[in-house]
Amino acid sequence: MASDKDIRLFLESQIETGREYSIEDITSTATSKLNVPQFRVAQNLCALETEGKVKFYDSDLPDSLEKYLFSQYGIRFQLVVALVAFTAISVFLLPSGPLVYLRYALGTLFMGFLPGYAVTESLYPKENDLTPLETSALSIGLSLTFIPLAALLLNYTPWGIRLDSMLVLISIMTLGLSLVAAWRRFELMGNEKKLKVEK
């Protein structure tokens, strides 16, 4: 049976700089030629990546913003859209009764977190820019400054500060900023994620 050193040498000899490979193809080739279990080949491939000798990238990326929004990568945008929609539905369909507490919970999330979250995500689109605690704190803080500004803006319009006008304005602003955040994340991942094994 081949040693880890033999597996690594074989893997390095099979990988050409700049070419794209499927991890499955590399591991199956090494498994059949060296007669070793697939998990050992995968461990050595991961070790090569840890050492910086190869890089793994995702090859199944959406190539347009529309595809990105409806793929697994756009889950944040999808969650914001769903929360905004559920809040709007609860405001108009649950004015009283036992489900009014659902309306209160969604309204609190809608007013106290989502606008700031959309701003935070559009300002810091990279995954590791902020910790979850920093994201939450900024989201709440920015929401608390965003809502009075929206109310001030509405005060000088013909619609005034009413439930309907606040709901519409904050929904539009939150969805617009979430779309900006999704676009920035889509642009960032364009250069970073290709399934390529590089030496």
Protein backbone atom coordinates (compact mmCIF):
# COMPACT_ATOMS: atom_id res chain seq x y z
CA MET A 1 0.00 0.00 0.00
CA ALA A 2 1.28 3.48 -0.88
CA SER A 3 2.43 5.87 1.84
CA ASP A 4 1.13 9.42 2.26
CA LYS A 5 4.32 10.72 0.66
CA ASP A 6 3.72 8.52 -2.41
CA ILE A 7 0.11 9.73 -2.64
CA ARG A 8 1.18 13.36 -2.46
CA LEU A 9 3.88 12.90 -5.08
CA PHE A 10 1.38 11.18 -7.37
CA LEU A 11 -1.18 13.96 -6.86
CA GLU A 12 1.39 16.67 -7.53
CA SER A 13 2.54 14.89 -10.69
CA GLN A 14 -1.04 14.63 -11.98
CA ILE A 15 -1.92 18.28 -11.39
CA GLU A 16 -0.93 20.78 -14.03
CA THR A 17 -0.75 24.46 -13.07
CA GLY A 18 -3.78 26.50 -14.11
CA ARG A 19 -5.94 23.59 -15.25
CA GLU A 20 -9.36 22.88 -13.81
CA TYR A 21 -10.04 19.46 -12.32
CA SER A 22 -12.87 17.71 -10.60
CA ILE A 23 -11.91 16.52 -7.13
CA GLU A 24 -13.85 13.34 -7.81
CA ASP A 25 -11.78 12.63 -10.94
CA ILE A 26 -8.49 13.25 -9.14
CA THR A 27 -9.36 11.03 -6.18
CA SER A 28 -10.72 8.20 -8.33
CA THR A 29 -7.63 8.24 -10.57
CA ALA A 30 -5.28 8.16 -7.58
CA THR A 31 -7.37 5.47 -5.86
CA SER A 32 -7.28 3.16 -8.87
CA LYS A 33 -3.61 3.67 -9.75
CA LEU A 34 -2.21 3.55 -6.21
CA ASN A 35 -4.68 1.01 -4.83
CA VAL A 36 -5.45 3.08 -1.73
CA PRO A 37 -8.79 4.01 -0.12
CA GLN A 38 -10.45 7.14 -1.43
CA PHE A 39 -10.47 8.83 1.99
CA ARG A 40 -6.65 8.69 2.15
CA VAL A 41 -6.37 10.40 -1.21
CA ALA A 42 -8.87 13.04 -0.05
CA GLN A 43 -6.92 13.58 3.19
CA ASN A 44 -3.70 14.11 1.25
CA LEU A 45 -5.42 16.43 -1.21
CA CYS A 46 -6.72 18.48 1.74
CA ALA A 47 -3.22 18.50 3.23
CA LEU A 48 -1.86 19.86 -0.05
CA GLU A 49 -4.48 22.58 0.07
CA THR A 50 -3.57 23.42 3.68
CA GLU A 51 0.08 23.72 2.65
CA GLY A 52 -0.92 26.09 -0.14
CA LYS A 53 0.19 23.80 -2.96
CA VAL A 54 -3.30 23.54 -4.45
CA LYS A 55 -6.47 25.65 -4.17
CA PHE A 56 -10.05 24.44 -4.28
CA TYR A 57 -12.77 26.49 -5.90
CA ASP A 58 -16.44 25.87 -6.48
CA SER A 59 -17.14 25.23 -10.16
CA ASP A 60 -20.93 25.29 -10.00
CA LEU A 61 -21.44 29.03 -9.70
CA PRO A 62 -24.30 31.05 -11.12
CA ASP A 63 -23.17 33.24 -14.01
CA SER A 64 -25.76 36.00 -13.64
CA LEU A 65 -27.23 37.98 -10.77
CA GLU A 66 -30.68 36.53 -11.43
CA LYS A 67 -29.39 32.97 -11.14
CA TYR A 68 -27.40 33.97 -8.06
CA LEU A 69 -30.49 35.38 -6.32
CA PHE A 70 -32.44 32.15 -6.80
CA SER A 71 -29.57 29.78 -6.00
CA GLN A 72 -28.27 28.57 -2.66
CA TYR A 73 -25.81 31.49 -2.65
CA GLY A 74 -28.64 34.04 -2.51
CA ILE A 75 -30.21 32.59 0.65
CA ARG A 76 -29.70 35.80 2.62
CA PHE A 77 -31.58 37.82 0.02
CA GLN A 78 -34.32 35.19 -0.11
CA LEU A 79 -34.73 35.29 3.68
CA VAL A 80 -35.00 39.09 3.72
CA VAL A 81 -37.63 38.99 0.94
CA ALA A 82 -39.58 36.31 2.82
CA LEU A 83 -39.49 38.24 6.10
CA VAL A 84 -40.61 41.46 4.41
CA ALA A 85 -43.44 39.60 2.66
CA PHE A 86 -44.59 37.82 5.83
CA THR A 87 -44.52 41.12 7.73
CA ALA A 88 -46.62 42.87 5.09
CA ILE A 89 -49.10 39.99 5.04
CA SER A 90 -49.33 39.92 8.83
CA VAL A 91 -49.91 43.68 9.03
CA PHE A 92 -52.87 43.54 6.68
CA LEU A 93 -54.34 40.13 7.51
CA LEU A 94 -53.72 39.82 11.26
CA PRO A 95 -55.05 43.06 12.75
CA SER A 96 -56.47 41.26 15.82
CA GLY A 97 -56.97 37.85 17.34
CA PRO A 98 -54.59 35.31 18.80
CA LEU A 99 -52.12 35.59 15.90
CA VAL A 100 -51.57 39.28 16.59
CA TYR A 101 -48.46 38.29 18.58
CA LEU A 102 -46.96 36.93 15.36
CA ARG A 103 -47.57 40.36 13.88
CA TYR A 104 -45.79 41.98 16.83
CA ALA A 105 -42.79 39.66 16.49
CA LEU A 106 -42.49 40.16 12.73
CA GLY A 107 -43.00 43.92 13.12
CA THR A 108 -40.23 44.13 15.71
CA LEU A 109 -37.87 42.19 13.46
CA PHE A 110 -38.94 44.26 10.46
CA MET A 111 -38.43 47.64 12.14
CA GLY A 112 -35.63 46.87 14.57
CA PHE A 113 -33.32 44.59 12.58
CA LEU A 114 -33.93 44.19 8.83
CA PRO A 115 -33.18 47.76 7.60
CA GLY A 116 -29.89 47.83 9.48
CA TYR A 117 -29.07 44.30 8.37
CA ALA A 118 -29.55 45.31 4.74
CA VAL A 119 -27.26 48.32 5.21
CA THR A 120 -24.65 46.22 7.03
CA GLU A 121 -24.67 43.51 4.37
CA SER A 122 -24.29 46.05 1.58
CA LEU A 123 -21.38 47.76 3.35
CA TYR A 124 -19.62 44.53 4.38
CA PRO A 125 -20.35 41.89 1.72
CA LYS A 126 -17.44 39.54 2.45
CA GLU A 127 -18.12 36.50 4.61
CA ASN A 128 -15.45 37.24 7.21
CA ASP A 129 -15.68 41.04 7.35
CA LEU A 130 -17.74 40.96 10.55
CA THR A 131 -18.50 38.40 13.22
CA PRO A 132 -22.18 37.47 13.77
CA LEU A 133 -22.21 39.55 16.96
CA GLU A 134 -20.85 42.60 15.15
CA THR A 135 -23.38 42.12 12.35
CA SER A 136 -26.24 41.90 14.85
CA ALA A 137 -25.10 44.95 16.81
CA LEU A 138 -24.63 47.04 13.68
CA SER A 139 -27.97 45.87 12.29
CA ILE A 140 -29.88 46.91 15.39
CA GLY A 141 -28.01 50.21 15.72
CA LEU A 142 -28.44 51.15 12.06
CA SER A 143 -32.12 50.19 12.16
CA LEU A 144 -32.67 52.48 15.14
CA THR A 145 -31.18 55.37 13.16
CA PHE A 146 -32.79 54.38 9.86
CA ILE A 147 -36.42 54.35 11.09
CA PRO A 148 -36.49 57.97 12.39
CA LEU A 149 -34.94 59.17 9.13
CA ALA A 150 -37.62 57.32 7.18
CA ALA A 151 -40.31 58.88 9.38
CA LEU A 152 -38.82 62.33 8.86
CA LEU A 153 -38.81 61.79 5.12
CA LEU A 154 -42.43 60.62 5.14
CA ASN A 155 -43.48 63.59 7.25
CA TYR A 156 -42.79 65.87 4.27
CA THR A 157 -44.72 63.78 1.75
CA PRO A 158 -48.47 63.80 1.05
CA TRP A 159 -48.79 60.33 2.59
CA GLY A 160 -47.54 61.34 6.03
CA ILE A 161 -46.40 59.01 8.81
CA ARG A 162 -48.91 56.15 8.72
CA LEU A 163 -48.63 52.40 9.04
CA ASP A 164 -49.10 51.82 5.31
CA SER A 165 -46.61 54.44 4.18
CA MET A 166 -43.96 53.34 6.71
CA LEU A 167 -44.41 49.70 5.68
CA VAL A 168 -44.03 50.52 1.99
CA LEU A 169 -41.03 52.84 2.41
CA ILE A 170 -39.11 50.54 4.74
CA SER A 171 -39.92 47.52 2.55
CA ILE A 172 -38.62 49.27 -0.56
CA MET A 173 -35.48 50.51 1.18
CA THR A 174 -34.76 47.14 2.81
CA LEU A 175 -35.29 45.18 -0.40
CA GLY A 176 -33.26 47.67 -2.42
CA LEU A 177 -30.32 47.56 -0.01
CA SER A 178 -30.55 43.75 0.16
CA LEU A 179 -30.37 43.64 -3.63
CA VAL A 180 -27.26 45.86 -3.52
CA ALA A 181 -25.71 43.51 -0.93
CA ALA A 182 -26.50 40.47 -3.08
CA TRP A 183 -24.99 42.15 -6.14
CA ARG A 184 -21.80 42.97 -4.20
CA ARG A 185 -21.50 39.38 -2.95
CA PHE A 186 -22.09 38.10 -6.50
CA GLU A 187 -19.33 40.37 -7.83
CA LEU A 188 -16.92 39.25 -5.09
CA MET A 189 -17.43 35.57 -5.70
CA GLY A 190 -16.82 35.89 -9.44
CA ASN A 191 -13.04 35.91 -9.00
CA GLU A 192 -12.78 33.68 -5.98
CA LYS A 193 -14.75 30.57 -6.81
CA LYS A 194 -13.83 28.37 -9.72
CA LEU A 195 -13.02 24.72 -9.26
CA LYS A 196 -9.42 24.85 -10.14
CA VAL A 197 -6.48 23.09 -8.60
CA GLU A 198 -3.47 25.33 -8.80
CA LYS A 199 0.11 24.58 -7.89
